[in-house]
Amino acid sequence: MIVANHLKAQGRKKELYFVPITVNYDRVVEGEVFPNDLLGEKPVKESFFRTVKHLSNVKKGMGKVVVQYG
C-alpha cells in the first residue's frame, strides 16, 4: 500500500523513506515447529486448540525484546 500510494503521488514529488525494523524476542512462539520447517518436513496444521494454546503462552511473557532500526 505504501509503494502504491507513493507511485500515485510521484507527480507531487513527495519523498518516501523505507526504514527496516526488526523486533526480536527471547522466546520464539514458533519455536516448536521451526526446526521441522528447516528440515523440510510437512507443516503442522493449524487448529483452534493450537491458537488457544499460543494465546495462553503469550501471557507468560516473551522475555527481553530488542528493536533494531536501519
PDB file of N, CA and C in Angstrom:
ATOM      1  N   MET A   1       0.826  -1.184   0.000  1.00  0.00           N
ATOM      2  CA  MET A   1       0.000   0.000   0.000  1.00  0.00           C
ATOM      3  C   MET A   1       0.876   1.255   0.000  1.00  0.00           C
ATOM      4  N   ILE A   2       1.959   1.216   0.731  1.00  0.00           N
ATOM      5  CA  ILE A   2       2.829   2.390   0.796  1.00  0.00           C
ATOM      6  C   ILE A   2       3.435   2.680  -0.569  1.00  0.00           C
ATOM      7  N   VAL A   3       3.929   1.632  -1.228  1.00  0.00           N
ATOM      8  CA  VAL A   3       4.555   1.821  -2.534  1.00  0.00           C
ATOM      9  C   VAL A   3       3.529   2.290  -3.549  1.00  0.00           C
ATOM     10  N   ALA A   4       2.319   1.717  -3.531  1.00  0.00           N
ATOM     11  CA  ALA A   4       1.276   2.129  -4.480  1.00  0.00           C
ATOM     12  C   ALA A   4       0.924   3.598  -4.291  1.00  0.00           C
ATOM     13  N   ASN A   5       0.773   4.030  -3.051  1.00  0.00           N
ATOM     14  CA  ASN A   5       0.463   5.441  -2.801  1.00  0.00           C
ATOM     15  C   ASN A   5       1.614   6.348  -3.206  1.00  0.00           C
ATOM     16  N   HIS A   6       2.828   5.891  -2.997  1.00  0.00           N
ATOM     17  CA  HIS A   6       3.984   6.683  -3.397  1.00  0.00           C
ATOM     18  C   HIS A   6       4.026   6.849  -4.913  1.00  0.00           C
ATOM     19  N   LEU A   7       3.752   5.772  -5.632  1.00  0.00           N
ATOM     20  CA  LEU A   7       3.781   5.847  -7.089  1.00  0.00           C
ATOM     21  C   LEU A   7       2.690   6.774  -7.613  1.00  0.00           C
ATOM     22  N   LYS A   8       1.527   6.782  -6.951  1.00  0.00           N
ATOM     23  CA  LYS A   8       0.447   7.690  -7.350  1.00  0.00           C
ATOM     24  C   LYS A   8       0.828   9.140  -7.092  1.00  0.00           C
ATOM     25  N   ALA A   9       1.599   9.387  -6.044  1.00  0.00           N
ATOM     26  CA  ALA A   9       1.941  10.747  -5.631  1.00  0.00           C
ATOM     27  C   ALA A   9       3.244  11.242  -6.257  1.00  0.00           C
ATOM     28  N   GLN A  10       3.814  10.519  -7.207  1.00  0.00           N
ATOM     29  CA  GLN A  10       5.103  10.926  -7.764  1.00  0.00           C
ATOM     30  C   GLN A  10       5.038  12.297  -8.423  1.00  0.00           C
ATOM     31  N   GLY A  11       3.904  12.656  -8.963  1.00  0.00           N
ATOM     32  CA  GLY A  11       3.768  13.971  -9.576  1.00  0.00           C
ATOM     33  C   GLY A  11       3.896  15.083  -8.555  1.00  0.00           C
ATOM     34  N   ARG A  12       3.650  14.773  -7.305  1.00  0.00           N
ATOM     35  CA  ARG A  12       3.745  15.776  -6.236  1.00  0.00           C
ATOM     36  C   ARG A  12       5.141  15.817  -5.628  1.00  0.00           C
ATOM     37  N   LYS A  13       6.057  14.990  -6.100  1.00  0.00           N
ATOM     38  CA  LYS A  13       7.449  14.971  -5.655  1.00  0.00           C
ATOM     39  C   LYS A  13       7.613  14.771  -4.151  1.00  0.00           C
ATOM     40  N   LYS A  14       6.824  13.887  -3.557  1.00  0.00           N
ATOM     41  CA  LYS A  14       6.988  13.574  -2.142  1.00  0.00           C
ATOM     42  C   LYS A  14       8.113  12.568  -1.976  1.00  0.00           C
ATOM     43  N   GLU A  15       8.915  12.780  -0.930  1.00  0.00           N
ATOM     44  CA  GLU A  15       9.955  11.816  -0.634  1.00  0.00           C
ATOM     45  C   GLU A  15       9.387  10.732   0.267  1.00  0.00           C
ATOM     46  N   LEU A  16       9.863   9.521   0.062  1.00  0.00           N
ATOM     47  CA  LEU A  16       9.416   8.394   0.861  1.00  0.00           C
ATOM     48  C   LEU A  16      10.641   7.645   1.349  1.00  0.00           C
ATOM     49  N   TYR A  17      10.697   7.402   2.654  1.00  0.00           N
ATOM     50  CA  TYR A  17      11.810   6.688   3.243  1.00  0.00           C
ATOM     51  C   TYR A  17      11.326   5.353   3.785  1.00  0.00           C
ATOM     52  N   PHE A  18      12.030   4.297   3.450  1.00  0.00           N
ATOM     53  CA  PHE A  18      11.742   2.979   3.980  1.00  0.00           C
ATOM     54  C   PHE A  18      12.769   2.689   5.069  1.00  0.00           C
ATOM     55  N   VAL A  19      12.295   2.405   6.260  1.00  0.00           N
ATOM     56  CA  VAL A  19      13.190   2.110   7.374  1.00  0.00           C
ATOM     57  C   VAL A  19      12.935   0.682   7.826  1.00  0.00           C
ATOM     58  N   PRO A  20      13.881  -0.219   7.577  1.00  0.00           N
ATOM     59  CA  PRO A  20      13.694  -1.599   8.038  1.00  0.00           C
ATOM     60  C   PRO A  20      13.733  -1.666   9.560  1.00  0.00           C
ATOM     61  N   ILE A  21      12.782  -2.362  10.119  1.00  0.00           N
ATOM     62  CA  ILE A  21      12.679  -2.520  11.566  1.00  0.00           C
ATOM     63  C   ILE A  21      12.581  -4.003  11.877  1.00  0.00           C
ATOM     64  N   THR A  22      13.360  -4.447  12.862  1.00  0.00           N
ATOM     65  CA  THR A  22      13.325  -5.828  13.307  1.00  0.00           C
ATOM     66  C   THR A  22      12.941  -5.868  14.774  1.00  0.00           C
ATOM     67  N   VAL A  23      11.993  -6.737  15.124  1.00  0.00           N
ATOM     68  CA  VAL A  23      11.607  -6.938  16.518  1.00  0.00           C
ATOM     69  C   VAL A  23      11.943  -8.381  16.875  1.00  0.00           C
ATOM     70  N   ASN A  24      12.845  -8.566  17.830  1.00  0.00           N
ATOM     71  CA  ASN A  24      13.275  -9.896  18.255  1.00  0.00           C
ATOM     72  C   ASN A  24      12.923 -10.115  19.717  1.00  0.00           C
ATOM     73  N   TYR A  25      12.533 -11.328  20.036  1.00  0.00           N
ATOM     74  CA  TYR A  25      12.171 -11.711  21.399  1.00  0.00           C
ATOM     75  C   TYR A  25      13.082 -12.839  21.861  1.00  0.00           C
ATOM     76  N   ASP A  26      13.250 -12.949  23.186  1.00  0.00           N
ATOM     77  CA  ASP A  26      13.998 -14.085  23.726  1.00  0.00           C
ATOM     78  C   ASP A  26      13.292 -15.397  23.435  1.00  0.00           C
ATOM     79  N   ARG A  27      11.980 -15.378  23.515  1.00  0.00           N
ATOM     80  CA  ARG A  27      11.178 -16.594  23.343  1.00  0.00           C
ATOM     81  C   ARG A  27      10.510 -16.563  21.975  1.00  0.00           C
ATOM     82  N   VAL A  28      10.694 -17.609  21.191  1.00  0.00           N
ATOM     83  CA  VAL A  28      10.112 -17.680  19.853  1.00  0.00           C
ATOM     84  C   VAL A  28       8.813 -18.466  19.921  1.00  0.00           C
ATOM     85  N   VAL A  29       7.722 -17.852  19.465  1.00  0.00           N
ATOM     86  CA  VAL A  29       6.411 -18.510  19.512  1.00  0.00           C
ATOM     87  C   VAL A  29       6.400 -19.750  18.630  1.00  0.00           C
ATOM     88  N   GLU A  30       7.048 -19.655  17.470  1.00  0.00           N
ATOM     89  CA  GLU A  30       7.055 -20.778  16.521  1.00  0.00           C
ATOM     90  C   GLU A  30       8.180 -21.766  16.819  1.00  0.00           C
ATOM     91  N   GLY A  31       8.791 -21.675  17.987  1.00  0.00           N
ATOM     92  CA  GLY A  31       9.957 -22.475  18.315  1.00  0.00           C
ATOM     93  C   GLY A  31       9.777 -23.965  18.185  1.00  0.00           C
ATOM     94  N   GLU A  32       8.569 -24.454  18.433  1.00  0.00           N
ATOM     95  CA  GLU A  32       8.368 -25.906  18.381  1.00  0.00           C
ATOM     96  C   GLU A  32       8.284 -26.443  16.960  1.00  0.00           C
ATOM     97  N   VAL A  33       7.885 -25.636  15.992  1.00  0.00           N
ATOM     98  CA  VAL A  33       7.749 -26.128  14.614  1.00  0.00           C
ATOM     99  C   VAL A  33       8.867 -25.629  13.701  1.00  0.00           C
ATOM    100  N   PHE A  34       9.639 -24.641  14.145  1.00  0.00           N
ATOM    101  CA  PHE A  34      10.681 -24.070  13.298  1.00  0.00           C
ATOM    102  C   PHE A  34      11.717 -25.094  12.851  1.00  0.00           C
ATOM    103  N   PRO A  35      12.238 -25.947  13.750  1.00  0.00           N
ATOM    104  CA  PRO A  35      13.208 -26.958  13.285  1.00  0.00           C
ATOM    105  C   PRO A  35      12.627 -27.872  12.201  1.00  0.00           C
ATOM    106  N   ASN A  36      11.347 -28.206  12.305  1.00  0.00           N
ATOM    107  CA  ASN A  36      10.716 -29.047  11.284  1.00  0.00           C
ATOM    108  C   ASN A  36      10.672 -28.332   9.939  1.00  0.00           C
ATOM    109  N   ASP A  37      10.419 -27.017   9.962  1.00  0.00           N
ATOM    110  CA  ASP A  37      10.403 -26.239   8.721  1.00  0.00           C
ATOM    111  C   ASP A  37      11.773 -26.262   8.065  1.00  0.00           C
ATOM    112  N   LEU A  38      12.825 -26.130   8.867  1.00  0.00           N
ATOM    113  CA  LEU A  38      14.177 -26.127   8.322  1.00  0.00           C
ATOM    114  C   LEU A  38      14.539 -27.476   7.701  1.00  0.00           C
ATOM    115  N   LEU A  39      13.985 -28.546   8.263  1.00  0.00           N
ATOM    116  CA  LEU A  39      14.266 -29.885   7.740  1.00  0.00           C
ATOM    117  C   LEU A  39      13.379 -30.250   6.554  1.00  0.00           C
ATOM    118  N   GLY A  40      12.439 -29.355   6.210  1.00  0.00           N
ATOM    119  CA  GLY A  40      11.564 -29.600   5.067  1.00  0.00           C
ATOM    120  C   GLY A  40      10.431 -30.567   5.360  1.00  0.00           C
ATOM    121  N   GLU A  41      10.141 -30.785   6.630  1.00  0.00           N
ATOM    122  CA  GLU A  41       9.058 -31.698   6.986  1.00  0.00           C
ATOM    123  C   GLU A  41       7.704 -31.038   6.747  1.00  0.00           C
ATOM    124  N   LYS A  42       6.692 -31.864   6.724  1.00  0.00           N
ATOM    125  CA  LYS A  42       5.331 -31.398   6.476  1.00  0.00           C
ATOM    126  C   LYS A  42       4.907 -30.421   7.574  1.00  0.00           C
ATOM    127  N   PRO A  43       4.311 -29.277   7.207  1.00  0.00           N
ATOM    128  CA  PRO A  43       3.903 -28.302   8.220  1.00  0.00           C
ATOM    129  C   PRO A  43       2.789 -28.831   9.122  1.00  0.00           C
ATOM    130  N   VAL A  44       2.788 -28.347  10.358  1.00  0.00           N
ATOM    131  CA  VAL A  44       1.753 -28.732  11.314  1.00  0.00           C
ATOM    132  C   VAL A  44       0.486 -27.956  10.966  1.00  0.00           C
ATOM    133  N   LYS A  45      -0.635 -28.656  10.917  1.00  0.00           N
ATOM    134  CA  LYS A  45      -1.898 -27.989  10.602  1.00  0.00           C
ATOM    135  C   LYS A  45      -2.329 -27.104  11.755  1.00  0.00           C
ATOM    136  N   GLU A  46      -2.810 -25.925  11.422  1.00  0.00           N
ATOM    137  CA  GLU A  46      -3.322 -25.013  12.438  1.00  0.00           C
ATOM    138  C   GLU A  46      -4.706 -25.488  12.874  1.00  0.00           C
ATOM    139  N   SER A  47      -5.011 -25.259  14.129  1.00  0.00           N
ATOM    140  CA  SER A  47      -6.323 -25.625  14.643  1.00  0.00           C
ATOM    141  C   SER A  47      -6.711 -24.620  15.714  1.00  0.00           C
ATOM    142  N   PHE A  48      -7.956 -24.665  16.110  1.00  0.00           N
ATOM    143  CA  PHE A  48      -8.449 -23.768  17.156  1.00  0.00           C
ATOM    144  C   PHE A  48      -7.690 -24.024  18.455  1.00  0.00           C
ATOM    145  N   PHE A  49      -7.449 -25.280  18.781  1.00  0.00           N
ATOM    146  CA  PHE A  49      -6.738 -25.638  20.008  1.00  0.00           C
ATOM    147  C   PHE A  49      -5.323 -25.056  20.020  1.00  0.00           C
ATOM    148  N   ARG A  50      -4.611 -25.165  18.882  1.00  0.00           N
ATOM    149  CA  ARG A  50      -3.251 -24.618  18.811  1.00  0.00           C
ATOM    150  C   ARG A  50      -3.259 -23.103  18.983  1.00  0.00           C
ATOM    151  N   THR A  51      -4.267 -22.435  18.425  1.00  0.00           N
ATOM    152  CA  THR A  51      -4.377 -20.985  18.572  1.00  0.00           C
ATOM    153  C   THR A  51      -4.586 -20.599  20.028  1.00  0.00           C
ATOM    154  N   VAL A  52      -5.473 -21.301  20.723  1.00  0.00           N
ATOM    155  CA  VAL A  52      -5.726 -21.028  22.139  1.00  0.00           C
ATOM    156  C   VAL A  52      -4.459 -21.282  22.953  1.00  0.00           C
ATOM    157  N   LYS A  53      -3.749 -22.351  22.613  1.00  0.00           N
ATOM    158  CA  LYS A  53      -2.503 -22.693  23.315  1.00  0.00           C
ATOM    159  C   LYS A  53      -1.478 -21.564  23.162  1.00  0.00           C
ATOM    160  N   HIS A  54      -1.334 -21.048  21.951  1.00  0.00           N
ATOM    161  CA  HIS A  54      -0.382 -19.966  21.714  1.00  0.00           C
ATOM    162  C   HIS A  54      -0.789 -18.697  22.446  1.00  0.00           C
ATOM    163  N   LEU A  55      -2.075 -18.404  22.469  1.00  0.00           N
ATOM    164  CA  LEU A  55      -2.547 -17.207  23.177  1.00  0.00           C
ATOM    165  C   LEU A  55      -2.275 -17.313  24.672  1.00  0.00           C
ATOM    166  N   SER A  56      -2.424 -18.493  25.233  1.00  0.00           N
ATOM    167  CA  SER A  56      -2.147 -18.655  26.654  1.00  0.00           C
ATOM    168  C   SER A  56      -0.654 -18.540  26.937  1.00  0.00           C
ATOM    169  N   ASN A  57       0.194 -18.932  25.986  1.00  0.00           N
ATOM    170  CA  ASN A  57       1.639 -18.810  26.159  1.00  0.00           C
ATOM    171  C   ASN A  57       2.107 -17.362  26.106  1.00  0.00           C
ATOM    172  N   VAL A  58       1.395 -16.527  25.369  1.00  0.00           N
ATOM    173  CA  VAL A  58       1.770 -15.123  25.262  1.00  0.00           C
ATOM    174  C   VAL A  58       1.661 -14.438  26.626  1.00  0.00           C
ATOM    175  N   LYS A  59       0.715 -14.871  27.437  1.00  0.00           N
ATOM    176  CA  LYS A  59       0.545 -14.290  28.773  1.00  0.00           C
ATOM    177  C   LYS A  59       1.767 -14.530  29.652  1.00  0.00           C
ATOM    178  N   LYS A  60       2.534 -15.559  29.357  1.00  0.00           N
ATOM    179  CA  LYS A  60       3.717 -15.899  30.150  1.00  0.00           C
ATOM    180  C   LYS A  60       4.860 -14.914  29.917  1.00  0.00           C
ATOM    181  N   GLY A  61       4.774 -14.143  28.878  1.00  0.00           N
ATOM    182  CA  GLY A  61       5.826 -13.175  28.562  1.00  0.00           C
ATOM    183  C   GLY A  61       6.741 -13.692  27.474  1.00  0.00           C
ATOM    184  N   MET A  62       7.370 -12.757  26.804  1.00  0.00           N
ATOM    185  CA  MET A  62       8.232 -13.112  25.676  1.00  0.00           C
ATOM    186  C   MET A  62       9.710 -12.904  25.995  1.00  0.00           C
ATOM    187  N   GLY A  63      10.014 -12.518  27.234  1.00  0.00           N
ATOM    188  CA  GLY A  63      11.409 -12.274  27.592  1.00  0.00           C
ATOM    189  C   GLY A  63      11.828 -10.878  27.179  1.00  0.00           C
ATOM    190  N   LYS A  64      13.103 -10.721  26.957  1.00  0.00           N
ATOM    191  CA  LYS A  64      13.655  -9.435  26.548  1.00  0.00           C
ATOM    192  C   LYS A  64      13.292  -9.170  25.092  1.00  0.00           C
ATOM    193  N   VAL A  65      12.897  -7.925  24.805  1.00  0.00           N
ATOM    194  CA  VAL A  65      12.548  -7.527  23.442  1.00  0.00           C
ATOM    195  C   VAL A  65      13.610  -6.568  22.939  1.00  0.00           C
ATOM    196  N   VAL A  66      14.103  -6.812  21.730  1.00  0.00           N
ATOM    197  CA  VAL A  66      15.103  -5.948  21.110  1.00  0.00           C
ATOM    198  C   VAL A  66      14.526  -5.439  19.792  1.00  0.00           C
ATOM    199  N   VAL A  67      14.490  -4.113  19.636  1.00  0.00           N
ATOM    200  CA  VAL A  67      14.026  -3.485  18.402  1.00  0.00           C
ATOM    201  C   VAL A  67      15.226  -2.843  17.726  1.00  0.00           C
ATOM    202  N   GLN A  68      15.437  -3.197  16.467  1.00  0.00           N
ATOM    203  CA  GLN A  68      16.567  -2.638  15.702  1.00  0.00           C
ATOM    204  C   GLN A  68      16.035  -1.873  14.505  1.00  0.00           C
ATOM    205  N   TYR A  69      16.600  -0.715  14.271  1.00  0.00           N
ATOM    206  CA  TYR A  69      16.228   0.131  13.138  1.00  0.00           C
ATOM    207  C   TYR A  69      17.392   0.229  12.180  1.00  0.00           C
ATOM    208  N   GLY A  70      17.062   0.243  10.897  1.00  0.00           N
ATOM    209  CA  GLY A  70      18.040   0.619   9.928  1.00  0.00           C
ATOM    210  C   GLY A  70      18.815  -0.387   9.209  1.00  0.00           C
TER     211      GLY A  70
END
